[in-house]
C-alpha atoms as a PDB file:
ATOM      1  CA  UNK A   1     -45.710 143.715 -83.036  1.00  0.00           C
ATOM      2  CA  UNK A   2     -45.860 140.288 -81.453  1.00  0.00           C
ATOM      3  CA  UNK A   3     -42.768 139.266 -79.493  1.00  0.00           C
ATOM      4  CA  UNK A   4     -42.199 135.543 -79.591  1.00  0.00           C
ATOM      5  CA  UNK A   5     -41.042 133.596 -76.511  1.00  0.00           C
ATOM      6  CA  UNK A   6     -37.475 132.328 -76.460  1.00  0.00           C
ATOM      7  CA  UNK A   7     -37.169 129.085 -78.417  1.00  0.00           C
ATOM      8  CA  UNK A   8     -34.933 126.081 -77.826  1.00  0.00           C
ATOM      9  CA  UNK A   9     -31.781 126.586 -79.895  1.00  0.00           C
ATOM     10  CA  UNK A  10     -29.231 124.264 -78.305  1.00  0.00           C
ATOM     11  CA  UNK A  11     -28.357 122.839 -81.723  1.00  0.00           C
ATOM     12  CA  UNK A  12     -28.803 124.922 -84.887  1.00  0.00           C
ATOM     13  CA  UNK A  13     -28.207 122.729 -87.926  1.00  0.00           C
ATOM     14  CA  UNK A  14     -27.030 124.350 -91.164  1.00  0.00           C
ATOM     15  CA  UNK A  15     -28.376 122.719 -94.338  1.00  0.00           C
ATOM     16  CA  UNK A  16     -27.399 123.880 -97.858  1.00  0.00           C
ATOM     17  CA  UNK A  17     -30.573 124.995 -99.622  1.00  0.00           C
ATOM     18  CA  UNK A  18     -29.239 123.613-102.905  1.00  0.00           C
ATOM     19  CA  UNK A  19     -29.124 120.055-101.536  1.00  0.00           C
ATOM     20  CA  UNK A  20     -32.633 118.597-101.688  1.00  0.00           C
ATOM     21  CA  UNK A  21     -31.551 115.275-100.153  1.00  0.00           C
ATOM     22  CA  UNK A  22     -30.043 116.958 -97.092  1.00  0.00           C
ATOM     23  CA  UNK A  23     -33.092 119.203 -96.669  1.00  0.00           C
ATOM     24  CA  UNK A  24     -35.228 116.076 -96.516  1.00  0.00           C
ATOM     25  CA  UNK A  25     -32.958 114.245 -94.087  1.00  0.00           C
ATOM     26  CA  UNK A  26     -32.720 117.234 -91.730  1.00  0.00           C
ATOM     27  CA  UNK A  27     -36.400 116.968 -90.847  1.00  0.00           C
ATOM     28  CA  UNK A  28     -35.803 113.710 -88.985  1.00  0.00           C
ATOM     29  CA  UNK A  29     -32.741 114.827 -87.024  1.00  0.00           C
ATOM     30  CA  UNK A  30     -32.952 115.864 -83.330  1.00  0.00           C
ATOM     31  CA  UNK A  31     -31.677 119.433 -83.831  1.00  0.00           C
ATOM     32  CA  UNK A  32     -33.669 122.180 -82.108  1.00  0.00           C
ATOM     33  CA  UNK A  33     -33.345 124.480 -85.107  1.00  0.00           C
ATOM     34  CA  UNK A  34     -32.836 123.870 -88.809  1.00  0.00           C
ATOM     35  CA  UNK A  35     -31.731 126.709 -91.021  1.00  0.00           C
ATOM     36  CA  UNK A  36     -31.881 126.386 -94.785  1.00  0.00           C
ATOM     37  CA  UNK A  37     -28.794 128.210 -96.007  1.00  0.00           C
ATOM     38  CA  UNK A  38     -28.887 130.332 -99.148  1.00  0.00           C
ATOM     39  CA  UNK A  39     -25.546 131.996 -98.418  1.00  0.00           C
ATOM     40  CA  UNK A  40     -22.045 130.522 -98.064  1.00  0.00           C
ATOM     41  CA  UNK A  41     -22.927 126.854 -98.682  1.00  0.00           C
ATOM     42  CA  UNK A  42     -24.680 127.585-102.002  1.00  0.00           C
ATOM     43  CA  UNK A  43     -22.731 128.297-105.204  1.00  0.00           C
ATOM     44  CA  UNK A  44     -23.604 131.583-106.965  1.00  0.00           C
ATOM     45  CA  UNK A  45     -25.078 129.759-109.934  1.00  0.00           C
ATOM     46  CA  UNK A  46     -27.390 127.702-107.699  1.00  0.00           C
ATOM     47  CA  UNK A  47     -28.766 130.456-105.489  1.00  0.00           C
ATOM     48  CA  UNK A  48     -31.887 131.229-107.503  1.00  0.00           C
ATOM     49  CA  UNK A  49     -33.021 127.610-107.809  1.00  0.00           C
ATOM     50  CA  UNK A  50     -32.210 127.044-104.139  1.00  0.00           C
ATOM     51  CA  UNK A  51     -34.898 129.564-103.163  1.00  0.00           C
ATOM     52  CA  UNK A  52     -37.508 127.283-104.710  1.00  0.00           C
ATOM     53  CA  UNK A  53     -36.124 124.338-102.735  1.00  0.00           C
ATOM     54  CA  UNK A  54     -36.586 126.292 -99.504  1.00  0.00           C
ATOM     55  CA  UNK A  55     -40.166 127.234-100.319  1.00  0.00           C
ATOM     56  CA  UNK A  56     -41.048 123.645-101.173  1.00  0.00           C
ATOM     57  CA  UNK A  57     -39.424 122.042 -98.161  1.00  0.00           C
ATOM     58  CA  UNK A  58     -40.911 124.544 -95.704  1.00  0.00           C
ATOM     59  CA  UNK A  59     -44.392 124.074 -97.095  1.00  0.00           C
ATOM     60  CA  UNK A  60     -44.290 120.325 -97.606  1.00  0.00           C
ATOM     61  CA  UNK A  61     -41.899 119.063 -94.930  1.00  0.00           C
ATOM     62  CA  UNK A  62     -42.569 117.826 -91.408  1.00  0.00           C
ATOM     63  CA  UNK A  63     -40.831 120.282 -89.060  1.00  0.00           C
ATOM     64  CA  UNK A  64     -42.713 119.415 -85.875  1.00  0.00           C
ATOM     65  CA  UNK A  65     -40.877 120.650 -82.791  1.00  0.00           C
ATOM     66  CA  UNK A  66     -38.212 122.494 -84.766  1.00  0.00           C
ATOM     67  CA  UNK A  67     -37.511 126.178 -85.274  1.00  0.00           C
ATOM     68  CA  UNK A  68     -37.584 126.839 -89.039  1.00  0.00           C
ATOM     69  CA  UNK A  69     -35.115 129.431 -90.319  1.00  0.00           C
ATOM     70  CA  UNK A  70     -33.685 130.520 -93.654  1.00  0.00           C
ATOM     71  CA  UNK A  71     -30.340 132.301 -93.946  1.00  0.00           C
ATOM     72  CA  UNK A  72     -30.457 134.766 -96.824  1.00  0.00           C
ATOM     73  CA  UNK A  73     -27.447 136.330 -98.497  1.00  0.00           C
ATOM     74  CA  UNK A  74     -25.861 139.384 -96.941  1.00  0.00           C
ATOM     75  CA  UNK A  75     -26.760 142.912 -97.945  1.00  0.00           C
ATOM     76  CA  UNK A  76     -23.578 143.539 -99.911  1.00  0.00           C
ATOM     77  CA  UNK A  77     -24.813 141.061-102.548  1.00  0.00           C
ATOM     78  CA  UNK A  78     -27.384 141.260-105.331  1.00  0.00           C
ATOM     79  CA  UNK A  79     -29.399 138.294-104.024  1.00  0.00           C
ATOM     80  CA  UNK A  80     -30.696 139.431-100.645  1.00  0.00           C
ATOM     81  CA  UNK A  81     -33.948 141.216-101.426  1.00  0.00           C
ATOM     82  CA  UNK A  82     -35.093 138.484-103.809  1.00  0.00           C
ATOM     83  CA  UNK A  83     -34.157 135.816-101.244  1.00  0.00           C
ATOM     84  CA  UNK A  84     -36.454 137.471 -98.717  1.00  0.00           C
ATOM     85  CA  UNK A  85     -39.319 138.189-101.106  1.00  0.00           C
ATOM     86  CA  UNK A  86     -39.348 134.729-102.717  1.00  0.00           C
ATOM     87  CA  UNK A  87     -39.056 132.717 -99.517  1.00  0.00           C
ATOM     88  CA  UNK A  88     -41.355 134.786 -97.303  1.00  0.00           C
ATOM     89  CA  UNK A  89     -44.060 135.261 -99.943  1.00  0.00           C
ATOM     90  CA  UNK A  90     -43.869 131.574-100.819  1.00  0.00           C
ATOM     91  CA  UNK A  91     -43.542 130.014 -97.360  1.00  0.00           C
ATOM     92  CA  UNK A  92     -43.950 132.759 -94.748  1.00  0.00           C
ATOM     93  CA  UNK A  93     -46.736 130.869 -93.002  1.00  0.00           C
ATOM     94  CA  UNK A  94     -44.276 128.023 -92.324  1.00  0.00           C
ATOM     95  CA  UNK A  95     -41.220 130.111 -91.445  1.00  0.00           C
ATOM     96  CA  UNK A  96     -40.151 131.183 -87.960  1.00  0.00           C
ATOM     97  CA  UNK A  97     -37.137 133.422 -88.601  1.00  0.00           C
ATOM     98  CA  UNK A  98     -34.944 134.976 -91.270  1.00  0.00           C
ATOM     99  CA  UNK A  99     -31.224 134.960 -90.521  1.00  0.00           C
ATOM    100  CA  UNK A 100     -29.289 137.946 -91.848  1.00  0.00           C
ATOM    101  CA  UNK A 101     -25.547 137.255 -92.139  1.00  0.00           C
ATOM    102  CA  UNK A 102     -22.676 139.716 -91.872  1.00  0.00           C
ATOM    103  CA  UNK A 103     -24.773 142.366 -90.144  1.00  0.00           C
ATOM    104  CA  UNK A 104     -22.733 145.522 -89.723  1.00  0.00           C
ATOM    105  CA  UNK A 105     -25.229 148.194 -88.671  1.00  0.00           C
ATOM    106  CA  UNK A 106     -28.646 148.556 -87.089  1.00  0.00           C
ATOM    107  CA  UNK A 107     -29.903 150.022 -90.377  1.00  0.00           C
ATOM    108  CA  UNK A 108     -29.430 146.648 -92.105  1.00  0.00           C
ATOM    109  CA  UNK A 109     -31.695 144.950 -89.561  1.00  0.00           C
ATOM    110  CA  UNK A 110     -34.227 147.762 -89.919  1.00  0.00           C
ATOM    111  CA  UNK A 111     -34.213 147.235 -93.693  1.00  0.00           C
ATOM    112  CA  UNK A 112     -35.086 143.569 -93.216  1.00  0.00           C
ATOM    113  CA  UNK A 113     -37.763 144.422 -90.636  1.00  0.00           C
ATOM    114  CA  UNK A 114     -39.419 146.865 -93.034  1.00  0.00           C
ATOM    115  CA  UNK A 115     -39.318 144.433 -95.951  1.00  0.00           C
ATOM    116  CA  UNK A 116     -40.787 141.650 -93.818  1.00  0.00           C
ATOM    117  CA  UNK A 117     -43.572 143.964 -92.643  1.00  0.00           C
ATOM    118  CA  UNK A 118     -44.465 144.916 -96.219  1.00  0.00           C
ATOM    119  CA  UNK A 119     -44.560 141.276 -97.314  1.00  0.00           C
ATOM    120  CA  UNK A 120     -46.650 140.256 -94.298  1.00  0.00           C
ATOM    121  CA  UNK A 121     -49.152 143.013 -94.993  1.00  0.00           C
ATOM    122  CA  UNK A 122     -49.430 142.135 -98.686  1.00  0.00           C
ATOM    123  CA  UNK A 123     -49.729 138.389 -98.036  1.00  0.00           C
ATOM    124  CA  UNK A 124     -52.086 138.682 -95.080  1.00  0.00           C
ATOM    125  CA  UNK A 125     -49.622 137.197 -92.582  1.00  0.00           C
ATOM    126  CA  UNK A 126     -49.536 138.288 -88.949  1.00  0.00           C
ATOM    127  CA  UNK A 127     -47.290 141.350 -88.875  1.00  0.00           C
ATOM    128  CA  UNK A 128     -44.220 140.842 -86.729  1.00  0.00           C
ATOM    129  CA  UNK A 129     -44.514 137.071 -86.256  1.00  0.00           C
ATOM    130  CA  UNK A 130     -41.413 136.234 -88.314  1.00  0.00           C
ATOM    131  CA  UNK A 131     -38.309 136.837 -86.240  1.00  0.00           C
ATOM    132  CA  UNK A 132     -34.823 137.991 -87.218  1.00  0.00           C
ATOM    133  CA  UNK A 133     -31.528 136.338 -86.331  1.00  0.00           C
ATOM    134  CA  UNK A 134     -28.565 138.704 -86.704  1.00  0.00           C
ATOM    135  CA  UNK A 135     -25.144 137.218 -87.398  1.00  0.00           C
ATOM    136  CA  UNK A 136     -22.042 139.158 -86.325  1.00  0.00           C
ATOM    137  CA  UNK A 137     -19.123 138.310 -88.602  1.00  0.00           C
ATOM    138  CA  UNK A 138     -16.770 141.286 -88.816  1.00  0.00           C
ATOM    139  CA  UNK A 139     -15.178 144.101 -86.858  1.00  0.00           C
ATOM    140  CA  UNK A 140     -17.812 146.714 -87.717  1.00  0.00           C
ATOM    141  CA  UNK A 141     -20.634 144.394 -86.750  1.00  0.00           C
ATOM    142  CA  UNK A 142     -19.012 143.686 -83.385  1.00  0.00           C
ATOM    143  CA  UNK A 143     -18.500 147.409 -82.796  1.00  0.00           C
ATOM    144  CA  UNK A 144     -22.214 147.995 -83.419  1.00  0.00           C
ATOM    145  CA  UNK A 145     -23.555 144.829 -81.816  1.00  0.00           C
ATOM    146  CA  UNK A 146     -25.598 146.536 -79.088  1.00  0.00           C
ATOM    147  CA  UNK A 147     -27.324 148.840 -81.585  1.00  0.00           C
ATOM    148  CA  UNK A 148     -27.949 145.807 -83.811  1.00  0.00           C
ATOM    149  CA  UNK A 149     -29.522 143.897 -80.917  1.00  0.00           C
ATOM    150  CA  UNK A 150     -31.954 146.770 -80.291  1.00  0.00           C
ATOM    151  CA  UNK A 151     -32.636 147.532 -83.962  1.00  0.00           C
ATOM    152  CA  UNK A 152     -35.939 145.654 -84.219  1.00  0.00           C
ATOM    153  CA  UNK A 153     -38.490 143.960 -81.961  1.00  0.00           C
ATOM    154  CA  UNK A 154     -38.176 140.984 -84.320  1.00  0.00           C
ATOM    155  CA  UNK A 155     -34.640 140.193 -83.128  1.00  0.00           C
ATOM    156  CA  UNK A 156     -34.577 136.751 -81.488  1.00  0.00           C
ATOM    157  CA  UNK A 157     -30.883 135.856 -81.510  1.00  0.00           C
ATOM    158  CA  UNK A 158     -27.429 137.319 -81.986  1.00  0.00           C
ATOM    159  CA  UNK A 159     -25.057 134.812 -83.592  1.00  0.00           C
ATOM    160  CA  UNK A 160     -21.273 134.733 -83.741  1.00  0.00           C
ATOM    161  CA  UNK A 161     -19.801 133.893 -87.159  1.00  0.00           C
ATOM    162  CA  UNK A 162     -16.146 132.998 -86.470  1.00  0.00           C
ATOM    163  CA  UNK A 163     -14.762 132.286 -89.956  1.00  0.00           C
ATOM    164  CA  UNK A 164     -15.583 135.627 -91.553  1.00  0.00           C
ATOM    165  CA  UNK A 165     -14.744 137.370 -88.296  1.00  0.00           C
ATOM    166  CA  UNK A 166     -11.265 135.856 -88.302  1.00  0.00           C
ATOM    167  CA  UNK A 167     -10.764 137.080 -91.869  1.00  0.00           C
ATOM    168  CA  UNK A 168     -12.058 140.524 -90.912  1.00  0.00           C
ATOM    169  CA  UNK A 169      -9.505 140.747 -88.102  1.00  0.00           C
ATOM    170  CA  UNK A 170      -6.627 139.349 -90.219  1.00  0.00           C
ATOM    171  CA  UNK A 171      -6.147 136.464 -87.807  1.00  0.00           C
ATOM    172  CA  UNK A 172      -3.338 134.219 -89.143  1.00  0.00           C
ATOM    173  CA  UNK A 173      -5.196 130.906 -88.868  1.00  0.00           C
ATOM    174  CA  UNK A 174      -7.203 128.585 -91.081  1.00  0.00           C
ATOM    175  CA  UNK A 175      -8.667 126.589 -88.175  1.00  0.00           C
ATOM    176  CA  UNK A 176     -12.146 127.843 -87.267  1.00  0.00           C
ATOM    177  CA  UNK A 177     -13.453 127.407 -83.762  1.00  0.00           C
ATOM    178  CA  UNK A 178     -10.251 126.213 -82.077  1.00  0.00           C
ATOM    179  CA  UNK A 179      -7.635 128.064 -80.036  1.00  0.00           C
ATOM    180  CA  UNK A 180      -4.370 129.325 -81.492  1.00  0.00           C
ATOM    181  CA  UNK A 181      -1.413 127.767 -79.650  1.00  0.00           C
ATOM    182  CA  UNK A 182       0.598 130.943 -80.235  1.00  0.00           C
ATOM    183  CA  UNK A 183      -1.870 133.091 -78.259  1.00  0.00           C
ATOM    184  CA  UNK A 184      -1.710 132.838 -74.434  1.00  0.00           C
ATOM    185  CA  UNK A 185      -5.442 132.692 -73.885  1.00  0.00           C
ATOM    186  CA  UNK A 186      -8.715 132.535 -75.783  1.00  0.00           C
ATOM    187  CA  UNK A 187      -8.742 135.121 -78.606  1.00  0.00           C
ATOM    188  CA  UNK A 188     -12.526 134.782 -78.924  1.00  0.00           C
ATOM    189  CA  UNK A 189     -13.438 135.342 -75.273  1.00  0.00           C
ATOM    190  CA  UNK A 190     -13.927 139.087 -75.654  1.00  0.00           C
ATOM    191  CA  UNK A 191     -15.936 138.634 -78.849  1.00  0.00           C
ATOM    192  CA  UNK A 192     -18.220 136.020 -77.337  1.00  0.00           C
ATOM    193  CA  UNK A 193     -18.730 138.035 -74.186  1.00  0.00           C
ATOM    194  CA  UNK A 194     -19.518 141.258 -76.041  1.00  0.00           C
ATOM    195  CA  UNK A 195     -22.110 139.504 -78.195  1.00  0.00           C
ATOM    196  CA  UNK A 196     -23.576 137.842 -75.102  1.00  0.00           C
ATOM    197  CA  UNK A 197     -23.739 141.165 -73.261  1.00  0.00           C
ATOM    198  CA  UNK A 198     -25.646 142.793 -76.124  1.00  0.00           C
ATOM    199  CA  UNK A 199     -28.030 139.853 -76.421  1.00  0.00           C
ATOM    200  CA  UNK A 200     -28.798 139.779 -72.708  1.00  0.00           C
ATOM    201  CA  UNK A 201     -29.240 143.557 -72.575  1.00  0.00           C
ATOM    202  CA  UNK A 202     -31.880 143.140 -75.275  1.00  0.00           C
ATOM    203  CA  UNK A 203     -33.361 140.023 -73.646  1.00  0.00           C
ATOM    204  CA  UNK A 204     -32.669 137.662 -76.553  1.00  0.00           C
ATOM    205  CA  UNK A 205     -30.575 134.552 -77.132  1.00  0.00           C
ATOM    206  CA  UNK A 206     -26.884 134.283 -77.995  1.00  0.00           C
ATOM    207  CA  UNK A 207     -25.717 131.494 -80.305  1.00  0.00           C
ATOM    208  CA  UNK A 208     -22.125 130.375 -80.863  1.00  0.00           C
ATOM    209  CA  UNK A 209     -20.883 129.697 -84.382  1.00  0.00           C
ATOM    210  CA  UNK A 210     -19.654 126.501 -86.030  1.00  0.00           C
ATOM    211  CA  UNK A 211     -16.728 124.187 -85.362  1.00  0.00           C
ATOM    212  CA  UNK A 212     -15.462 123.048 -88.743  1.00  0.00           C
ATOM    213  CA  UNK A 213     -13.608 119.867 -87.731  1.00  0.00           C
ATOM    214  CA  UNK A 214     -16.898 118.017 -88.017  1.00  0.00           C
ATOM    215  CA  UNK A 215     -15.642 114.496 -87.260  1.00  0.00           C
ATOM    216  CA  UNK A 216     -13.905 115.472 -84.009  1.00  0.00           C
ATOM    217  CA  UNK A 217     -16.956 115.473 -81.753  1.00  0.00           C
ATOM    218  CA  UNK A 218     -14.940 115.614 -78.527  1.00  0.00           C
ATOM    219  CA  UNK A 219     -13.158 118.754 -79.711  1.00  0.00           C
ATOM    220  CA  UNK A 220     -16.549 120.206 -80.654  1.00  0.00           C
ATOM    221  CA  UNK A 221     -17.820 119.391 -77.177  1.00  0.00           C
ATOM    222  CA  UNK A 222     -14.834 121.113 -75.570  1.00  0.00           C
ATOM    223  CA  UNK A 223     -15.337 124.306 -77.574  1.00  0.00           C
ATOM    224  CA  UNK A 224     -19.074 124.265 -76.911  1.00  0.00           C
ATOM    225  CA  UNK A 225     -18.554 123.949 -73.167  1.00  0.00           C
ATOM    226  CA  UNK A 226     -16.663 127.253 -73.145  1.00  0.00           C
ATOM    227  CA  UNK A 227     -19.479 129.308 -74.635  1.00  0.00           C
ATOM    228  CA  UNK A 228     -22.058 127.359 -72.608  1.00  0.00           C
ATOM    229  CA  UNK A 229     -20.152 128.292 -69.448  1.00  0.00           C
ATOM    230  CA  UNK A 230     -20.471 131.951 -70.404  1.00  0.00           C
ATOM    231  CA  UNK A 231     -24.227 131.573 -70.789  1.00  0.00           C
ATOM    232  CA  UNK A 232     -24.722 130.949 -74.508  1.00  0.00           C
ATOM    233  CA  UNK A 233     -27.969 129.244 -75.469  1.00  0.00           C
ATOM    234  CA  UNK A 234     -26.675 127.027 -78.264  1.00  0.00           C
ATOM    235  CA  UNK A 235     -24.272 126.475 -81.118  1.00  0.00           C
ATOM    236  CA  UNK A 236     -24.310 125.867 -84.834  1.00  0.00           C
ATOM    237  CA  UNK A 237     -23.844 122.282 -85.949  1.00  0.00           C
ATOM    238  CA  UNK A 238     -22.604 121.406 -89.425  1.00  0.00           C
ATOM    239  CA  UNK A 239     -22.943 117.630 -89.204  1.00  0.00           C
ATOM    240  CA  UNK A 240     -25.530 115.315 -87.620  1.00  0.00           C
ATOM    241  CA  UNK A 241     -22.768 113.874 -85.439  1.00  0.00           C
ATOM    242  CA  UNK A 242     -22.491 117.176 -83.553  1.00  0.00           C
ATOM    243  CA  UNK A 243     -26.194 117.453 -82.665  1.00  0.00           C
ATOM    244  CA  UNK A 244     -26.319 115.206 -79.598  1.00  0.00           C
ATOM    245  CA  UNK A 245     -23.229 116.874 -78.128  1.00  0.00           C
ATOM    246  CA  UNK A 246     -24.737 120.338 -78.562  1.00  0.00           C
ATOM    247  CA  UNK A 247     -28.063 119.282 -77.082  1.00  0.00           C
ATOM    248  CA  UNK A 248     -26.247 117.880 -74.056  1.00  0.00           C
ATOM    249  CA  UNK A 249     -23.805 120.754 -73.507  1.00  0.00           C
ATOM    250  CA  UNK A 250     -26.379 123.552 -73.749  1.00  0.00           C
ATOM    251  CA  UNK A 251     -28.919 121.893 -71.452  1.00  0.00           C
ATOM    252  CA  UNK A 252     -28.423 121.794 -67.669  1.00  0.00           C
ATOM    253  CA  UNK A 253     -27.464 118.583 -65.919  1.00  0.00           C
ATOM    254  CA  UNK A 254     -30.455 116.746 -64.468  1.00  0.00           C
ATOM    255  CA  UNK A 255     -29.412 117.425 -60.883  1.00  0.00           C
ATOM    256  CA  UNK A 256     -28.951 121.133 -61.605  1.00  0.00           C
ATOM    257  CA  UNK A 257     -32.333 121.356 -63.313  1.00  0.00           C
ATOM    258  CA  UNK A 258     -34.063 119.589 -60.414  1.00  0.00           C
ATOM    259  CA  UNK A 259     -32.329 121.841 -57.896  1.00  0.00           C
ATOM    260  CA  UNK A 260     -33.326 124.978 -59.803  1.00  0.00           C
ATOM    261  CA  UNK A 261     -36.986 123.917 -59.840  1.00  0.00           C
ATOM    262  CA  UNK A 262     -36.813 123.146 -56.127  1.00  0.00           C
ATOM    263  CA  UNK A 263     -35.417 126.610 -55.419  1.00  0.00           C
ATOM    264  CA  UNK A 264     -38.242 128.221 -57.380  1.00  0.00           C
ATOM    265  CA  UNK A 265     -40.891 126.163 -55.591  1.00  0.00           C
ATOM    266  CA  UNK A 266     -39.352 126.743 -52.172  1.00  0.00           C
ATOM    267  CA  UNK A 267     -38.974 130.480 -52.697  1.00  0.00           C
ATOM    268  CA  UNK A 268     -42.534 130.823 -53.997  1.00  0.00           C
ATOM    269  CA  UNK A 269     -43.890 128.957 -50.967  1.00  0.00           C
ATOM    270  CA  UNK A 270     -41.847 130.769 -48.305  1.00  0.00           C
ATOM    271  CA  UNK A 271     -42.684 134.211 -49.719  1.00  0.00           C
ATOM    272  CA  UNK A 272     -46.423 133.400 -49.704  1.00  0.00           C
ATOM    273  CA  UNK A 273     -48.834 133.990 -46.836  1.00  0.00           C
ATOM    274  CA  UNK A 274     -48.867 130.260 -46.152  1.00  0.00           C
ATOM    275  CA  UNK A 275     -45.095 130.148 -45.970  1.00  0.00           C
ATOM    276  CA  UNK A 276     -44.784 133.137 -43.669  1.00  0.00           C
ATOM    277  CA  UNK A 277     -43.850 135.888 -46.159  1.00  0.00           C
ATOM    278  CA  UNK A 278     -40.148 135.241 -45.655  1.00  0.00           C
ATOM    279  CA  UNK A 279     -37.681 136.480 -48.269  1.00  0.00           C
ATOM    280  CA  UNK A 280     -34.576 134.582 -47.157  1.00  0.00           C
ATOM    281  CA  UNK A 281     -34.872 130.965 -46.041  1.00  0.00           C
ATOM    282  CA  UNK A 282     -33.010 127.679 -45.954  1.00  0.00           C
ATOM    283  CA  UNK A 283     -33.427 124.933 -48.536  1.00  0.00           C
ATOM    284  CA  UNK A 284     -31.547 122.070 -46.999  1.00  0.00           C
ATOM    285  CA  UNK A 285     -28.101 123.492 -46.178  1.00  0.00           C
ATOM    286  CA  UNK A 286     -28.450 126.369 -48.651  1.00  0.00           C
ATOM    287  CA  UNK A 287     -29.815 129.850 -47.998  1.00  0.00           C
ATOM    288  CA  UNK A 288     -32.012 131.113 -50.848  1.00  0.00           C
ATOM    289  CA  UNK A 289     -33.375 134.577 -51.569  1.00  0.00           C
ATOM    290  CA  UNK A 290     -34.470 136.723 -54.520  1.00  0.00           C
ATOM    291  CA  UNK A 291     -31.020 136.497 -56.135  1.00  0.00           C
ATOM    292  CA  UNK A 292     -31.211 132.711 -55.846  1.00  0.00           C
ATOM    293  CA  UNK A 293     -34.600 132.790 -57.562  1.00  0.00           C
ATOM    294  CA  UNK A 294     -33.201 134.764 -60.511  1.00  0.00           C
ATOM    295  CA  UNK A 295     -30.317 132.340 -60.954  1.00  0.00           C
ATOM    296  CA  UNK A 296     -32.665 129.370 -60.700  1.00  0.00           C
ATOM    297  CA  UNK A 297     -34.970 130.863 -63.339  1.00  0.00           C
ATOM    298  CA  UNK A 298     -32.105 130.733 -65.832  1.00  0.00           C
ATOM    299  CA  UNK A 299     -31.327 127.062 -65.232  1.00  0.00           C
ATOM    300  CA  UNK A 300     -34.971 126.049 -65.047  1.00  0.00           C
ATOM    301  CA  UNK A 301     -35.747 127.942 -68.245  1.00  0.00           C
ATOM    302  CA  UNK A 302     -33.002 126.139 -70.132  1.00  0.00           C
ATOM    303  CA  UNK A 303     -34.202 122.791 -68.822  1.00  0.00           C
ATOM    304  CA  UNK A 304     -37.807 123.461 -69.768  1.00  0.00           C
ATOM    305  CA  UNK A 305     -36.806 124.606 -73.239  1.00  0.00           C
ATOM    306  CA  UNK A 306     -34.864 121.363 -73.622  1.00  0.00           C
ATOM    307  CA  UNK A 307     -37.942 119.354 -72.648  1.00  0.00           C
ATOM    308  CA  UNK A 308     -36.447 118.018 -69.417  1.00  0.00           C
ATOM    309  CA  UNK A 309     -38.682 116.382 -66.801  1.00  0.00           C
ATOM    310  CA  UNK A 310     -38.328 116.867 -63.071  1.00  0.00           C
ATOM    311  CA  UNK A 311     -37.252 113.977 -60.886  1.00  0.00           C
ATOM    312  CA  UNK A 312     -37.706 115.748 -57.526  1.00  0.00           C
ATOM    313  CA  UNK A 313     -40.646 117.570 -55.950  1.00  0.00           C
ATOM    314  CA  UNK A 314     -40.747 120.296 -53.295  1.00  0.00           C
ATOM    315  CA  UNK A 315     -42.449 119.482 -50.035  1.00  0.00           C
ATOM    316  CA  UNK A 316     -43.246 122.382 -47.655  1.00  0.00           C
ATOM    317  CA  UNK A 317     -41.710 121.917 -44.187  1.00  0.00           C
ATOM    318  CA  UNK A 318     -43.999 120.383 -41.599  1.00  0.00           C
ATOM    319  CA  UNK A 319     -45.356 122.594 -38.844  1.00  0.00           C
END
């Protein structure tokens, strides 16, 4: 199977698949990823017609530069298999990933992988091109997150779903994405770190879930900075007003991006024959080595994915 390169997912915009107007507007917004949602944001009576909306908008819309995803219903419902069959048969050529919510076991991901393979073979699509995004939303899913991350070569991201997770854990709060003043710390730190650990062990991206107070952009920014500091690649956005903040928070600062590229250039030059085959050298006042290169690759990769341009160039030392 083909393994796709990591995509830019700083901002992952949720759009109800039952809302044709919003599906149209989303195409012109600066989010890295758009996911057409067939699950929580669609009423039970509208789910079947919403599938047709997704097929139409994927085939007829202008999604240039965006990752195109559909979130199907979870496997405890009666809608899931038909969601997958209808959308992938109808618009698989214009679909990048299927998001599976409330994943609890590796077997659920393997089910989706097998169904996607069968559809691709029947429709003549490239087998394995459509990725899977697995959303962790309850205690069992978190317990099995590493096995879930390794369940299929199609896995591209592991996503934290805070609202359902809070319900699963019986957390006494109705505020999603914010800290509880009665808890002396961050109750989500362990959850976020465990998901991140599983994602990085598998070599895929980790995405933070939504912040529901959609008009408080500064609060959104503060929450996003916490998962970005851990190493998360992006965050769900529920409103266009959150997109710019997410794109900023999950991209490196310009000076950090430039410095990372300089480290990579300097290390490549000094370890070459021309540079003297040296593995530990000075870049200005900073010593760099192989560990520095690995750290710089992370920052540079995030900057490149965000479309950043360099403002500084490496010049080999004279003589």
